[in-house]
Structure formats: structure tokens, C-alpha cells
Amino acid sequence: MLFLVAALMLMGILLGTAAHVPATVTLVGTAAIAVWLMVFAVREWAGRHHRAGRQGGSS
């Protein structure tokens, strides 16, 4: 039950903020988060790809 209260409070804070700021601010924040996640995903993929290639040639 406490988890539900905390979840509803968090949703109210987040959705309340998004509802009261201008749409451009919300869109800029959304774009910034999307870019950050894409950069993270590409770095993770490149790191795994680089490590996989290095393991095969070192034996």
C-alpha cells in the first residue's frame, strides 16, 4: 500500500510539472533525454562490438 502511495505521489509530481510548463519546455526536455539515451545505447553497442572483436584475435 505504501508503494502505491509513493507511486501516485511521484506520478503527480512528474505529470503535474509537465502539465504546467510550456509545451516547448516539455519537448526540449524530451528531446534531451532521447538524445542522451541514444548516445548511451550507441556507446554500449560499440563497446561490446569492440570487445568481441578483440577477444577473437588475442588467442
C-alpha atoms as a PDB file:
ATOM      1  CA  MET A   1       0.000   0.000   0.000  1.00  0.00           C
ATOM      2  CA  LEU A   2       2.834   2.379   0.807  1.00  0.00           C
ATOM      3  CA  PHE A   3       4.310   1.626  -2.625  1.00  0.00           C
ATOM      4  CA  LEU A   4       1.049   2.704  -4.278  1.00  0.00           C
ATOM      5  CA  VAL A   5       1.009   5.964  -2.324  1.00  0.00           C
ATOM      6  CA  ALA A   6       4.624   6.706  -3.262  1.00  0.00           C
ATOM      7  CA  ALA A   7       3.974   5.830  -6.924  1.00  0.00           C
ATOM      8  CA  LEU A   8       0.905   8.074  -7.093  1.00  0.00           C
ATOM      9  CA  MET A   9       2.783  10.925  -5.414  1.00  0.00           C
ATOM     10  CA  LEU A  10       5.665  10.588  -7.892  1.00  0.00           C
ATOM     11  CA  MET A  11       3.298  10.477 -10.847  1.00  0.00           C
ATOM     12  CA  GLY A  12       1.519  13.569  -9.560  1.00  0.00           C
ATOM     13  CA  ILE A  13       4.780  15.476  -9.267  1.00  0.00           C
ATOM     14  CA  LEU A  14       6.021  14.440 -12.702  1.00  0.00           C
ATOM     15  CA  LEU A  15       2.756  14.817 -14.565  1.00  0.00           C
ATOM     16  CA  GLY A  16       1.926  17.995 -12.694  1.00  0.00           C
ATOM     17  CA  THR A  17       5.184  19.612 -13.754  1.00  0.00           C
ATOM     18  CA  ALA A  18       4.740  18.571 -17.372  1.00  0.00           C
ATOM     19  CA  ALA A  19       1.205  19.911 -17.319  1.00  0.00           C
ATOM     20  CA  HIS A  20       2.189  23.369 -16.014  1.00  0.00           C
ATOM     21  CA  VAL A  21       5.262  24.212 -18.088  1.00  0.00           C
ATOM     22  CA  PRO A  22       5.011  25.364 -21.706  1.00  0.00           C
ATOM     23  CA  ALA A  23       4.912  22.653 -24.358  1.00  0.00           C
ATOM     24  CA  THR A  24       8.244  23.790 -25.814  1.00  0.00           C
ATOM     25  CA  VAL A  25       9.991  23.185 -22.479  1.00  0.00           C
ATOM     26  CA  THR A  26       8.482  19.713 -22.272  1.00  0.00           C
ATOM     27  CA  LEU A  27       9.529  18.909 -25.849  1.00  0.00           C
ATOM     28  CA  VAL A  28      13.079  20.184 -25.298  1.00  0.00           C
ATOM     29  CA  GLY A  29      13.385  18.045 -22.166  1.00  0.00           C
ATOM     30  CA  THR A  30      12.012  15.035 -24.000  1.00  0.00           C
ATOM     31  CA  ALA A  31      14.459  15.536 -26.866  1.00  0.00           C
ATOM     32  CA  ALA A  32      17.390  15.902 -24.459  1.00  0.00           C
ATOM     33  CA  ILE A  33      16.512  12.649 -22.706  1.00  0.00           C
ATOM     34  CA  ALA A  34      16.055  10.853 -26.041  1.00  0.00           C
ATOM     35  CA  VAL A  35      19.464  12.025 -27.288  1.00  0.00           C
ATOM     36  CA  TRP A  36      21.100  11.005 -24.021  1.00  0.00           C
ATOM     37  CA  LEU A  37      19.584   7.518 -24.248  1.00  0.00           C
ATOM     38  CA  MET A  38      20.643   7.151 -27.893  1.00  0.00           C
ATOM     39  CA  VAL A  39      24.239   8.162 -27.092  1.00  0.00           C
ATOM     40  CA  PHE A  40      24.282   5.667 -24.226  1.00  0.00           C
ATOM     41  CA  ALA A  41      22.927   2.874 -26.433  1.00  0.00           C
ATOM     42  CA  VAL A  42      25.461   3.549 -29.201  1.00  0.00           C
ATOM     43  CA  ARG A  43      28.365   3.640 -26.721  1.00  0.00           C
ATOM     44  CA  GLU A  44      27.246   0.351 -25.164  1.00  0.00           C
ATOM     45  CA  TRP A  45      26.862  -1.284 -28.572  1.00  0.00           C
ATOM     46  CA  ALA A  46      30.250  -0.014 -29.754  1.00  0.00           C
ATOM     47  CA  GLY A  47      31.934  -1.187 -26.559  1.00  0.00           C
ATOM     48  CA  ARG A  48      30.507  -4.688 -26.863  1.00  0.00           C
ATOM     49  CA  HIS A  49      31.319  -4.850 -30.569  1.00  0.00           C
ATOM     50  CA  HIS A  50      34.903  -3.700 -29.956  1.00  0.00           C
ATOM     51  CA  ARG A  51      35.448  -6.158 -27.079  1.00  0.00           C
ATOM     52  CA  ALA A  52      34.023  -9.085 -29.076  1.00  0.00           C
ATOM     53  CA  GLY A  53      36.431  -8.408 -31.948  1.00  0.00           C
ATOM     54  CA  ARG A  54      39.395  -8.107 -29.606  1.00  0.00           C
ATOM     55  CA  GLN A  55      38.703 -11.456 -27.869  1.00  0.00           C
ATOM     56  CA  GLY A  56      38.836 -13.441 -31.108  1.00  0.00           C
ATOM     57  CA  GLY A  57      42.229 -12.135 -32.221  1.00  0.00           C
ATOM     58  CA  SER A  58      44.197 -12.357 -28.976  1.00  0.00           C
ATOM     59  CA  SER A  59      44.423 -16.189 -28.790  1.00  0.00           C
END
